[in-house]
Amino acid sequence: MSFESIIGHNGIKNQISKSIKLDKLSHAHLLVGEDGIGKSKLARNIGFKILGKNKDMQYVDLVEWRLEKNKSTIGVNSIRTLIEEINKKPYEGDKKVVIIYHADKMTVQAQNALLKTVEEPPNNVTIFLLCENLEIILDTIKSRCQIHKLKNLNVNEMEEFLKINYSGLPLEELKVVIAFSDGIPGKAEKFMVDTNFKDIRKITLEILLQLNSVGTEELIKYEKKLSGQKENFKEILTAFLSYVRDTIIYKEIEEENLIINIDKLLSIKELANTFSFNKLNGIINIINDTRENLDGNVNPGLTFEVMLLKMQEV
């Protein structure tokens, strides 16, 4: 894949291309965005363009620095080793590109150790720092970098991405993956191969279908299933919301083309016949409150239990 053919992030690509063409590319860059949004692919392909390479492969003058195995942070000793590598002359040409993955995992000491190199790298060295959380990067580092914030892909871009990478994907599944990916290609790829995604959709739909017909004790049993997926709590809540959203739409206008979970249409119709608009809106509010609690690191098991009880009572 060439730099220009990367889907999305057109503003950044155009800016970088123009700077390279005019030989005015900044020596240090920060690529910021969620995990899976495309920071690595973008950085590598910019690197290929700078080095004048056409193939996506490993090059000695493209230095990729990652978090060490079994380490939660990038320490000062690791950065000092990286600085030694940066100061070595290029091997194949006259340029070198350095990509630092998970730059927001650098300790304060490590960032301070890197500061002078970011400010004044050797000639013809371009540094890319990739991070999810820009707030953790020191202001002294940020002030010396050109910052690029990667935005989630829009629906058309996600559709293009999926059709290229998963040709033959049924339209029903395409719509579901786009809805749940939230414009993040890496998340879409995860959904395509991760059975947890199918389990989450199954469990959340089952809960909604059983909400008005089971007792409290039986309902609470679902809490263990949800807690077993606690690392995917955002996907759990998104699944709930997608079903409720589909139910409201079908209940209001009975337009099947607007249903995200079209493969669950019969269940959506059943929910539309079961729940009132007040009940559905109440569930949405409960799910949003649950999201805030889980973002605040409240105990997942207790949070899911309270959510289920409130959903039944609303």
Protein backbone atom coordinates (compact mmCIF):
# COMPACT_ATOMS: atom_id res chain seq x y z
CA MET A 1 0.00 0.00 0.00
CA SER A 2 1.38 3.40 -0.98
CA PHE A 3 1.21 6.49 1.18
CA GLU A 4 -1.38 8.08 -1.10
CA SER A 5 -3.63 4.99 -1.10
CA ILE A 6 -4.09 4.92 2.68
CA ILE A 7 -7.79 5.40 3.36
CA GLY A 8 -8.71 8.53 5.30
CA HIS A 9 -6.54 11.19 6.96
CA ASN A 10 -6.42 13.16 3.71
CA GLY A 11 -5.56 16.47 5.35
CA ILE A 12 -2.47 15.00 7.02
CA LYS A 13 -1.40 13.15 3.87
CA ASN A 14 -1.72 16.27 1.72
CA GLN A 15 0.21 18.37 4.23
CA ILE A 16 3.03 15.82 4.51
CA SER A 17 3.25 15.29 0.73
CA LYS A 18 3.47 19.01 0.10
CA SER A 19 6.16 19.45 2.76
CA ILE A 20 8.25 16.59 1.35
CA LYS A 21 7.92 17.94 -2.18
CA LEU A 22 9.06 21.41 -1.06
CA ASP A 23 11.78 19.89 1.16
CA LYS A 24 10.24 21.65 4.17
CA LEU A 25 9.18 18.65 6.24
CA SER A 26 9.55 19.20 9.98
CA HIS A 27 12.17 17.03 11.69
CA ALA A 28 9.80 15.88 14.47
CA HIS A 29 6.14 14.85 14.42
CA LEU A 30 3.51 13.62 16.88
CA LEU A 31 0.81 11.35 15.45
CA VAL A 32 -2.11 11.21 17.88
CA GLY A 33 -5.13 8.92 17.78
CA GLU A 34 -6.92 5.91 19.21
CA ASP A 35 -5.44 2.45 19.01
CA GLY A 36 -6.23 0.96 15.59
CA ILE A 37 -6.92 4.26 13.85
CA GLY A 38 -3.91 3.95 11.56
CA LYS A 39 -1.00 5.77 13.22
CA SER A 40 1.49 2.97 12.54
CA LYS A 41 0.49 2.48 8.91
CA LEU A 42 0.59 6.22 8.27
CA ALA A 43 3.97 6.69 9.96
CA ARG A 44 5.57 3.76 8.13
CA ASN A 45 4.30 4.92 4.75
CA ILE A 46 5.49 8.47 5.38
CA GLY A 47 8.82 6.90 6.25
CA PHE A 48 8.89 4.97 2.95
CA LYS A 49 8.13 8.20 1.09
CA ILE A 50 10.93 10.08 2.85
CA LEU A 51 13.40 7.27 2.14
CA GLY A 52 12.25 6.95 -1.47
CA LYS A 53 11.11 3.34 -1.02
CA ASN A 54 8.19 1.75 -2.84
CA LYS A 55 7.74 -1.58 -1.03
CA ASP A 56 6.24 -2.15 2.42
CA MET A 57 9.10 -4.00 4.11
CA GLN A 58 11.78 -3.57 6.74
CA TYR A 59 14.56 -1.09 5.95
CA VAL A 60 17.69 -0.50 7.97
CA ASP A 61 17.18 3.28 7.83
CA LEU A 62 13.60 2.98 9.10
CA VAL A 63 14.10 2.56 12.85
CA GLU A 64 11.02 1.35 14.73
CA TRP A 65 11.28 1.65 18.52
CA ARG A 66 8.71 -0.21 20.57
CA LEU A 67 7.76 -0.90 24.15
CA GLU A 68 9.90 -3.77 25.39
CA LYS A 69 8.18 -7.08 26.05
CA ASN A 70 6.73 -7.37 29.57
CA LYS A 71 7.38 -3.66 30.18
CA SER A 72 4.62 -1.13 30.89
CA THR A 73 6.77 1.95 30.27
CA ILE A 74 9.66 3.09 28.09
CA GLY A 75 12.46 3.96 30.47
CA VAL A 76 15.39 6.31 30.24
CA ASN A 77 17.90 3.52 29.46
CA SER A 78 15.85 2.43 26.47
CA ILE A 79 15.74 6.00 25.19
CA ARG A 80 19.49 6.42 25.63
CA THR A 81 20.01 3.32 23.47
CA LEU A 82 17.62 4.79 20.90
CA ILE A 83 19.53 8.08 20.87
CA GLU A 84 22.72 6.16 20.07
CA GLU A 85 20.92 4.55 17.14
CA ILE A 86 19.58 7.91 15.95
CA ASN A 87 23.08 9.37 15.92
CA LYS A 88 24.43 6.64 13.65
CA LYS A 89 24.76 7.59 10.00
CA PRO A 90 22.20 6.19 7.52
CA TYR A 91 23.28 2.94 5.88
CA GLU A 92 21.52 2.83 2.52
CA GLY A 93 21.02 6.48 1.66
CA ASP A 94 21.35 9.90 3.20
CA LYS A 95 18.13 9.87 5.28
CA LYS A 96 16.90 8.09 8.37
CA VAL A 97 13.38 7.83 9.81
CA VAL A 98 12.70 6.96 13.45
CA ILE A 99 9.26 5.83 14.65
CA ILE A 100 8.64 5.66 18.41
CA TYR A 101 5.55 3.60 19.15
CA HIS A 102 3.53 4.20 22.35
CA ALA A 103 5.41 7.43 22.97
CA ASP A 104 2.95 8.21 25.77
CA LYS A 105 4.44 5.25 27.64
CA MET A 106 7.75 7.09 28.03
CA THR A 107 8.52 8.05 31.61
CA VAL A 108 9.11 11.72 32.39
CA GLN A 109 12.82 10.98 32.70
CA ALA A 110 12.80 9.23 29.31
CA GLN A 111 11.03 12.17 27.67
CA ASN A 112 13.50 14.60 29.15
CA ALA A 113 16.37 12.45 27.90
CA LEU A 114 14.87 12.51 24.39
CA LEU A 115 14.15 16.24 24.41
CA LYS A 116 17.44 17.51 23.00
CA THR A 117 17.38 14.91 20.20
CA VAL A 118 13.81 15.88 19.27
CA GLU A 119 14.83 19.53 19.30
CA GLU A 120 18.03 19.08 17.30
CA PRO A 121 18.24 15.65 15.63
CA PRO A 122 21.15 14.84 13.31
CA ASN A 123 20.84 16.10 9.75
CA ASN A 124 18.33 14.23 7.57
CA VAL A 125 16.75 12.39 10.53
CA THR A 126 12.96 12.59 10.87
CA ILE A 127 11.32 11.45 14.12
CA PHE A 128 7.71 10.30 14.52
CA LEU A 129 6.23 9.84 17.98
CA LEU A 130 2.98 7.84 18.06
CA CYS A 131 0.60 8.16 21.00
CA GLU A 132 -2.98 7.81 22.14
CA ASN A 133 -2.86 10.24 25.06
CA LEU A 134 -1.34 13.57 24.09
CA GLU A 135 -1.74 14.94 27.62
CA ILE A 136 1.00 12.63 28.91
CA ILE A 137 3.56 14.04 26.48
CA LEU A 138 5.59 16.85 28.04
CA ASP A 139 4.87 20.37 26.76
CA THR A 140 8.57 20.74 25.98
CA ILE A 141 8.33 17.76 23.60
CA LYS A 142 5.03 18.89 22.06
CA SER A 143 6.34 22.39 21.38
CA ARG A 144 9.13 20.94 19.27
CA CYS A 145 6.90 18.66 17.17
CA GLN A 146 4.37 19.14 14.44
CA ILE A 147 1.21 17.58 15.87
CA HIS A 148 -1.18 15.57 13.68
CA LYS A 149 -4.45 14.40 15.24
CA LEU A 150 -5.92 11.46 13.35
CA LYS A 151 -9.72 11.53 13.10
CA ASN A 152 -12.02 8.51 12.93
CA LEU A 153 -12.88 7.50 9.38
CA ASN A 154 -16.33 8.40 8.09
CA VAL A 155 -18.88 5.79 6.96
CA ASN A 156 -17.83 5.95 3.30
CA GLU A 157 -14.15 5.56 4.18
CA MET A 158 -14.90 2.61 6.46
CA GLU A 159 -16.98 0.99 3.73
CA GLU A 160 -14.09 1.43 1.29
CA PHE A 161 -11.64 -0.03 3.83
CA LEU A 162 -13.79 -3.12 4.43
CA LYS A 163 -14.51 -3.72 0.76
CA ILE A 164 -10.80 -3.61 -0.06
CA ASN A 165 -9.69 -5.79 2.84
CA TYR A 166 -12.70 -8.08 3.13
CA SER A 167 -14.10 -8.40 -0.38
CA GLY A 168 -17.30 -10.36 -0.57
CA LEU A 169 -18.45 -9.33 2.90
CA PRO A 170 -22.27 -9.52 2.95
CA LEU A 171 -24.03 -6.16 3.12
CA GLU A 172 -25.72 -7.07 6.41
CA GLU A 173 -22.39 -7.82 8.07
CA LEU A 174 -20.78 -4.77 6.47
CA LYS A 175 -23.34 -2.46 8.08
CA VAL A 176 -22.89 -4.07 11.50
CA VAL A 177 -19.08 -3.88 11.44
CA ILE A 178 -19.12 -0.23 10.32
CA ALA A 179 -21.55 0.66 13.10
CA PHE A 180 -19.52 -1.04 15.81
CA SER A 181 -16.07 0.02 14.58
CA ASP A 182 -16.71 3.70 15.36
CA GLY A 183 -14.61 4.72 12.37
CA ILE A 184 -11.52 2.83 13.59
CA PRO A 185 -10.12 0.33 11.04
CA GLY A 186 -8.25 -1.67 13.69
CA LYS A 187 -11.45 -2.17 15.63
CA ALA A 188 -13.22 -3.35 12.47
CA GLU A 189 -10.43 -5.87 11.85
CA LYS A 190 -10.78 -7.10 15.42
CA PHE A 191 -14.51 -7.61 14.99
CA MET A 192 -13.92 -9.65 11.84
CA VAL A 193 -11.75 -12.23 13.63
CA ASP A 194 -12.73 -11.96 17.31
CA THR A 195 -15.48 -14.33 18.44
CA ASN A 196 -16.00 -12.13 21.51
CA PHE A 197 -17.77 -9.62 19.28
CA LYS A 198 -20.36 -12.21 18.26
CA ASP A 199 -20.74 -13.27 21.89
CA ILE A 200 -21.31 -9.67 22.98
CA ARG A 201 -24.02 -9.15 20.35
CA LYS A 202 -25.70 -12.40 21.38
CA ILE A 203 -25.64 -11.69 25.13
CA THR A 204 -26.84 -8.08 24.89
CA LEU A 205 -29.72 -8.98 22.58
CA GLU A 206 -30.72 -11.87 24.82
CA ILE A 207 -30.81 -9.56 27.83
CA LEU A 208 -33.09 -7.08 26.08
CA LEU A 209 -35.42 -9.84 24.90
CA GLN A 210 -35.62 -11.32 28.41
CA LEU A 211 -35.78 -8.03 30.29
CA ASN A 212 -39.55 -7.99 30.89
CA SER A 213 -40.06 -11.72 31.33
CA VAL A 214 -37.47 -12.93 33.85
CA GLY A 215 -37.16 -12.40 37.58
CA THR A 216 -34.44 -10.41 39.29
CA GLU A 217 -32.41 -13.47 40.27
CA GLU A 218 -32.34 -14.81 36.72
CA LEU A 219 -31.51 -11.37 35.32
CA ILE A 220 -28.53 -10.99 37.66
CA LYS A 221 -27.03 -14.18 36.18
CA TYR A 222 -26.29 -12.15 33.07
CA GLU A 223 -24.00 -9.91 35.12
CA LYS A 224 -21.36 -12.66 35.19
CA LYS A 225 -21.51 -12.97 31.40
CA LEU A 226 -21.05 -9.22 31.03
CA SER A 227 -18.27 -9.08 33.63
CA GLY A 228 -16.49 -11.84 31.72
CA GLN A 229 -16.23 -9.34 28.88
CA LYS A 230 -15.34 -6.35 31.08
CA GLU A 231 -12.31 -5.44 28.97
CA ASN A 232 -14.77 -4.92 26.11
CA PHE A 233 -17.23 -2.81 28.09
CA LYS A 234 -17.37 -0.11 25.42
CA GLU A 235 -18.41 -2.70 22.85
CA ILE A 236 -21.03 -4.10 25.27
CA LEU A 237 -22.63 -0.70 25.75
CA THR A 238 -22.40 0.06 22.03
CA ALA A 239 -24.21 -3.21 21.30
CA PHE A 240 -27.00 -2.33 23.73
CA LEU A 241 -27.35 1.14 22.23
CA SER A 242 -27.38 -0.17 18.65
CA TYR A 243 -30.27 -2.53 19.43
CA VAL A 244 -32.22 0.17 21.26
CA ARG A 245 -31.58 2.64 18.44
CA ASP A 246 -32.79 0.11 15.85
CA THR A 247 -35.86 -0.64 17.94
CA ILE A 248 -36.78 3.05 18.20
CA ILE A 249 -36.37 3.54 14.45
CA TYR A 250 -38.42 0.49 13.54
CA LYS A 251 -41.08 1.33 16.10
CA GLU A 252 -41.36 4.86 14.76
CA ILE A 253 -41.19 4.43 10.97
CA GLU A 254 -40.79 0.67 10.28
CA GLU A 255 -37.97 1.40 7.81
CA GLU A 256 -35.82 -1.74 7.53
CA ASN A 257 -33.13 -0.05 5.41
CA LEU A 258 -32.14 2.11 8.39
CA ILE A 259 -31.62 -0.85 10.74
CA ILE A 260 -27.98 -1.44 11.70
CA ASN A 261 -28.50 -4.94 13.10
CA ILE A 262 -30.39 -6.05 10.01
CA ASP A 263 -29.38 -9.67 10.63
CA LYS A 264 -31.41 -9.49 13.87
CA LEU A 265 -34.48 -7.92 12.28
CA LEU A 266 -36.99 -10.38 13.75
CA SER A 267 -35.67 -9.68 17.24
CA ILE A 268 -35.79 -5.93 16.59
CA LYS A 269 -39.45 -6.26 15.62
CA GLU A 270 -40.11 -8.22 18.82
CA LEU A 271 -38.44 -5.51 20.92
CA ALA A 272 -40.45 -2.83 19.11
CA ASN A 273 -43.67 -4.62 20.08
CA THR A 274 -42.50 -5.11 23.67
CA PHE A 275 -40.99 -1.77 24.71
CA SER A 276 -42.55 1.68 24.86
CA PHE A 277 -40.67 4.77 23.70
CA ASN A 278 -40.34 5.84 27.35
CA LYS A 279 -38.79 2.49 28.26
CA LEU A 280 -36.34 2.66 25.34
CA ASN A 281 -35.27 6.23 26.15
CA GLY A 282 -34.88 5.26 29.79
CA ILE A 283 -32.58 2.39 28.82
CA ILE A 284 -30.46 4.77 26.75
CA ASN A 285 -30.01 7.07 29.77
CA ILE A 286 -29.07 4.11 31.98
CA ILE A 287 -26.48 2.89 29.47
CA ASN A 288 -24.94 6.37 29.22
CA ASP A 289 -24.73 6.57 33.03
CA THR A 290 -23.11 3.12 33.06
CA ARG A 291 -20.51 4.29 30.56
CA GLU A 292 -19.54 7.19 32.82
CA ASN A 293 -19.22 4.86 35.81
CA LEU A 294 -17.04 2.38 33.95
CA ASP A 295 -14.89 5.20 32.57
CA GLY A 296 -14.41 6.21 36.21
CA ASN A 297 -13.07 2.72 37.03
CA VAL A 298 -16.07 1.73 39.15
CA ASN A 299 -16.26 -2.04 39.84
CA PRO A 300 -17.55 -3.61 36.56
CA GLY A 301 -19.51 -6.41 38.22
CA LEU A 302 -21.43 -4.08 40.50
CA THR A 303 -21.91 -1.55 37.70
CA PHE A 304 -23.38 -4.11 35.31
CA GLU A 305 -25.65 -5.49 38.06
CA VAL A 306 -27.02 -2.03 38.84
CA MET A 307 -27.45 -1.34 35.12
CA LEU A 308 -29.50 -4.50 34.57
CA LEU A 309 -31.75 -3.83 37.57
CA LYS A 310 -32.38 -0.25 36.49
CA MET A 311 -33.10 -1.35 32.92
CA GLN A 312 -35.73 -3.75 34.22
CA GLU A 313 -37.30 -1.20 36.53
CA VAL A 314 -37.44 1.79 34.18
